Protein backbone atom coordinates (compact mmCIF):
# COMPACT_ATOMS: atom_id res chain seq x y z
CA MET A 1 -0.07 0.01 0.07
CA ILE A 2 1.24 3.60 -1.03
CA VAL A 3 0.68 6.71 1.20
CA ASP A 4 1.74 10.02 -0.12
CA ALA A 5 2.42 11.96 2.63
CA GLN A 6 2.77 15.18 0.65
CA ASN A 7 0.32 18.00 2.19
CA ARG A 8 -0.95 15.52 5.01
CA ASP A 9 -0.70 16.09 8.56
CA TYR A 10 1.35 13.67 10.70
CA ARG A 11 -1.57 12.07 12.28
CA GLU A 12 -3.19 11.58 9.26
CA VAL A 13 -0.36 9.33 7.70
CA ASN A 14 0.16 7.66 11.12
CA GLU A 15 -3.66 6.65 11.21
CA ILE A 16 -3.84 5.32 7.86
CA ILE A 17 -0.28 3.34 9.10
CA ARG A 18 -2.26 1.98 12.21
CA SER A 19 -5.33 0.75 10.47
CA SER A 20 -4.24 -0.88 7.73
CA LYS A 21 -2.92 -4.64 7.73
CA GLU A 22 -0.99 -4.36 4.60
CA ASN A 23 3.04 -3.52 4.45
CA ILE A 24 3.01 0.36 3.94
CA GLU A 25 4.93 2.68 1.67
CA VAL A 26 5.40 6.24 2.53
CA ILE A 27 6.48 8.75 -0.18
CA ASN A 28 6.98 12.32 -0.40
CA PRO A 29 7.24 12.77 3.35
CA LEU A 30 7.69 16.15 4.73
CA GLY A 31 9.20 15.32 8.16
CA GLN A 32 6.25 13.85 9.67
CA ARG A 33 6.56 12.56 13.26
CA PHE A 34 5.66 9.35 14.84
CA LEU A 35 6.07 7.33 11.48
CA GLY A 36 5.36 3.51 12.31
CA ALA A 37 5.10 4.15 16.09
CA GLY A 38 4.30 0.80 17.93
CA LEU A 39 4.34 -1.42 14.56
CA ARG A 40 4.07 -5.05 15.02
CA GLU A 41 4.98 -7.23 12.41
CA ARG A 42 4.63 -5.48 9.54
CA ARG A 43 6.87 -3.18 7.42
CA VAL A 44 7.20 0.62 6.59
CA ASN A 45 9.34 2.01 4.27
CA VAL A 46 9.78 5.77 4.02
CA TYR A 47 11.41 7.51 0.80
CA GLY A 48 12.41 10.81 2.14
CA ILE A 49 13.09 12.61 5.50
CA ALA A 50 11.39 11.15 8.39
CA GLY A 51 10.35 13.11 11.35
CA ASN A 52 10.96 12.99 14.92
CA ALA A 53 10.45 9.63 17.14
CA LEU A 54 10.29 7.38 13.88
CA GLY A 55 9.69 3.79 15.04
CA CYS A 56 9.12 4.94 18.56
CA TYR A 57 7.45 2.13 20.81
CA LEU A 58 8.55 -0.57 18.02
CA ASP A 59 7.15 -3.79 18.90
CA GLY A 60 8.23 -6.31 16.10
CA GLY A 61 7.97 -4.73 12.96
CA THR A 62 10.69 -3.13 10.66
CA VAL A 63 10.90 0.40 9.75
CA GLU A 64 13.43 1.42 6.98
CA VAL A 65 14.09 5.03 5.63
CA PHE A 66 15.26 5.58 2.44
CA GLY A 67 16.89 8.95 3.27
CA ASP A 68 17.55 10.90 6.68
CA ALA A 69 15.67 10.71 9.93
CA GLN A 70 15.43 13.58 12.80
CA ASP A 71 15.54 13.14 16.46
CA ALA A 72 14.69 10.34 18.96
CA VAL A 73 14.82 7.41 16.37
CA GLY A 74 13.50 4.08 17.99
CA ASP A 75 12.64 6.01 21.31
CA THR A 76 11.48 3.46 23.93
CA MET A 77 11.80 0.73 21.31
CA ASN A 78 10.84 -3.04 22.71
CA SER A 79 11.81 -5.22 19.51
CA GLY A 80 12.02 -5.17 15.82
CA ARG A 81 14.42 -3.15 13.28
CA ILE A 82 15.05 0.22 12.32
CA ILE A 83 16.96 0.57 9.10
CA ILE A 84 18.33 4.23 7.86
CA HIS A 85 19.92 4.94 4.79
CA GLY A 86 21.47 8.32 5.73
CA SER A 87 21.68 9.78 9.06
CA THR A 88 19.94 10.83 12.12
CA GLY A 89 19.49 13.50 14.53
CA ASP A 90 19.70 13.23 18.03
CA ALA A 91 18.94 10.85 20.83
CA LEU A 92 18.88 7.92 18.78
CA GLY A 93 17.72 4.98 20.54
CA TYR A 94 16.44 6.83 23.48
CA ALA A 95 15.69 4.60 26.38
CA MET A 96 15.40 1.50 23.89
CA ARG A 97 15.32 -2.12 25.51
CA GLY A 98 15.36 -3.93 22.46
CA GLY A 99 15.40 -4.63 18.97
CA ARG A 100 18.07 -3.43 16.57
CA ILE A 101 18.86 0.04 14.88
CA TYR A 102 21.21 0.19 11.85
CA VAL A 103 22.20 3.62 10.55
CA GLU A 104 24.50 3.91 7.41
CA LYS A 105 26.03 7.40 8.16
CA ASN A 106 26.10 9.62 11.06
CA ALA A 107 24.39 10.03 14.46
CA GLY A 108 23.80 13.24 16.24
CA TYR A 109 24.25 14.22 20.42
CA ARG A 110 23.16 11.63 22.78
CA ALA A 111 22.82 8.64 20.46
CA GLY A 112 21.99 5.55 23.07
CA ILE A 113 21.13 7.81 25.80
CA HIS A 114 19.09 5.70 28.42
CA MET A 115 19.45 2.72 26.62
CA LYS A 116 18.81 -0.41 28.55
CA ALA A 117 18.97 -4.15 28.54
CA TYR A 118 15.22 -5.58 29.53
CA GLY A 119 14.90 -9.59 30.60
CA ASP A 120 16.35 -11.45 27.81
CA LYS A 121 16.51 -8.60 25.33
CA CYS A 122 19.59 -6.87 24.28
CA PRO A 123 19.17 -3.81 22.39
CA VAL A 124 21.98 -3.04 19.50
CA ILE A 125 22.48 0.19 17.51
CA VAL A 126 25.23 0.13 14.84
CA ILE A 127 26.29 3.44 13.46
CA GLY A 128 28.35 3.44 10.09
CA GLY A 129 29.85 7.13 10.59
CA ARG A 130 30.47 9.13 13.74
CA THR A 131 28.21 10.66 16.53
CA GLY A 132 28.08 13.61 18.60
CA SER A 133 28.48 14.30 21.75
CA PHE A 134 27.20 12.29 25.01
CA LEU A 135 27.42 9.04 23.01
CA GLY A 136 25.86 6.16 25.56
CA GLU A 137 25.31 8.77 28.05
CA TYR A 138 23.50 7.04 31.22
CA GLN A 139 23.82 3.84 29.14
CA ALA A 140 22.46 0.77 31.22
CA GLY A 141 22.53 -2.34 28.93
CA GLY A 142 23.02 -3.05 25.16
CA LEU A 143 25.32 -2.60 22.94
CA ILE A 144 26.42 0.74 20.90
CA ILE A 145 29.04 0.03 17.69
CA VAL A 146 30.21 2.83 16.09
CA LEU A 147 32.31 1.90 12.80
CA GLY A 148 33.79 5.66 12.22
CA LEU A 149 34.04 5.17 8.09
CA ASP A 150 34.34 7.92 6.21
CA ARG A 151 34.41 10.45 9.24
CA GLY A 152 37.47 12.32 7.80
CA GLU A 153 39.28 14.17 10.08
CA TYR A 154 36.57 14.08 12.77
CA PRO A 155 36.61 12.24 16.26
CA ILE A 156 34.49 9.09 15.97
CA SER A 157 32.42 10.74 18.97
CA GLY A 158 32.19 13.87 20.44
CA TYR A 159 32.47 15.21 24.13
CA PHE A 160 31.56 13.63 27.08
CA THR A 161 31.47 9.92 25.63
CA ALA A 162 29.31 7.59 28.09
CA ALA A 163 28.71 10.41 30.59
CA GLY A 164 27.06 8.48 33.49
CA MET A 165 27.34 5.07 31.88
CA TYR A 166 26.63 2.25 34.74
CA GLY A 167 26.14 -0.75 32.26
CA GLY A 168 26.15 -2.22 28.50
CA ARG A 169 29.25 -1.74 26.30
CA ILE A 170 30.37 0.91 23.33
CA PHE A 171 32.50 -0.53 20.75
CA LEU A 172 34.52 2.09 18.87
CA ARG A 173 36.09 0.65 15.28
CA ASP A 174 39.66 2.47 15.40
CA PRO A 175 38.71 5.27 17.71
CA GLY A 176 41.90 7.51 17.83
CA GLU A 177 41.74 9.91 20.67
CA VAL A 178 38.58 9.88 22.76
CA LEU A 179 37.56 11.76 25.48
CA LEU A 180 36.00 9.57 28.18
CA GLN A 181 34.50 10.31 31.64
CA LYS A 182 36.10 9.15 34.82
CA GLU A 183 33.69 6.56 35.72
CA VAL A 184 34.45 4.55 32.30
CA GLU A 185 37.48 2.86 30.69
CA MET A 186 38.48 2.15 27.18
CA ARG A 187 40.40 -1.20 26.34
CA SER A 188 41.23 -3.51 23.26
CA ALA A 189 37.93 -5.53 22.35
CA GLU A 190 38.31 -9.23 23.07
CA LYS A 191 38.16 -12.10 20.67
CA GLU A 192 35.11 -13.14 22.27
CA GLU A 193 33.71 -9.93 21.98
CA MET A 194 34.21 -9.52 18.50
CA GLU A 195 32.65 -13.08 17.83
CA GLU A 196 29.50 -11.45 19.25
CA ILE A 197 29.17 -8.25 17.53
CA LYS A 198 30.24 -9.81 14.10
CA GLU A 199 26.82 -10.75 13.23
CA HIS A 200 25.52 -7.28 13.85
CA ILE A 201 28.33 -5.73 11.59
CA SER A 202 27.87 -8.40 9.34
CA GLU A 203 24.09 -7.58 9.01
CA TRP A 204 24.90 -3.33 8.85
CA CYS A 205 27.25 -4.62 5.88
CA THR A 206 24.75 -6.48 3.89
CA LEU A 207 22.13 -3.66 4.44
CA PHE A 208 24.15 -0.78 3.16
CA HIS A 209 26.47 -3.10 0.82
CA MET A 210 29.49 -2.54 2.44
CA ASP A 211 32.66 -5.04 2.37
CA GLU A 212 32.45 -6.98 5.88
CA GLU A 213 36.26 -7.90 5.67
CA LYS A 214 37.15 -4.28 5.23
CA VAL A 215 35.19 -3.26 7.89
CA LEU A 216 36.40 -5.92 10.24
CA ASP A 217 40.11 -5.25 9.22
CA ALA A 218 40.70 -2.51 11.86
CA PRO A 219 41.32 -2.31 15.79
CA PHE A 220 37.89 -1.99 17.88
CA TYR A 221 38.06 -1.07 21.40
CA VAL A 222 35.37 -1.29 24.41
CA VAL A 223 33.83 1.52 26.38
CA SER A 224 32.58 -0.06 29.65
CA PRO A 225 31.95 1.15 33.22
CA LYS A 226 34.89 0.73 35.83
CA LYS A 227 34.15 -1.83 38.16
CA GLY A 228 33.10 -0.67 41.38
CA ASP A 229 33.11 2.82 40.22
CA THR A 230 29.38 3.57 38.73
CA PRO A 231 26.90 5.74 39.68
CA ARG A 232 24.74 1.85 39.54
CA GLN A 233 22.97 2.95 42.98
CA LYS A 234 21.72 6.27 41.53
CA TYR A 235 19.34 4.63 38.84
CA VAL A 236 17.16 1.56 38.26
CA ALA A 237 19.18 -0.60 36.26
CA ASN A 238 16.40 -1.96 33.70
């Protein structure tokens, strides 16, 4: 089913998506918000720029954007996949507790903020380019993988990386100098950890037609909380 979003309010577009039992193709979007919110099982393809909170509360569906997306992609998503053939704005994966987000290019500030593992769910974000400041802020669980491809002279992440982090891990490919907060540490990824993330990198490479061997042919580092020196007691860790 094709939905032409041109000159349509975001509420009208989303009502069509919610009421349909078919997969949806959204064409001519003009930054409409909440596309694919709470989607289960079905697929929504967006051809153009998606607005804020794309795929928020996603619960098993797939949302794929052939273009850029704005802030809060995957806000509080529970399961499913979000695929962005472009870049995203701030707060990517805000408080997500399950599912997968794959971004071809860059992400803005606060990617993975409040990201958490929940029960048997382990959320994963893979970013092909670089991120802004506050990557993994208050992260409580899950995996963030930043590949840093085609970033030029820019650092792989901005200031205050992993600020307030107390769970989960951030994997950085060939990161160079990263300004870390005192409650976290960075070390070389172990062989077992590389095996753990390889499937996610492989999926990212398949989606965006990249050479997996080339992507993996670089050192990976892991950012994680220092043992015995985290603000865990200040937060609910689920």
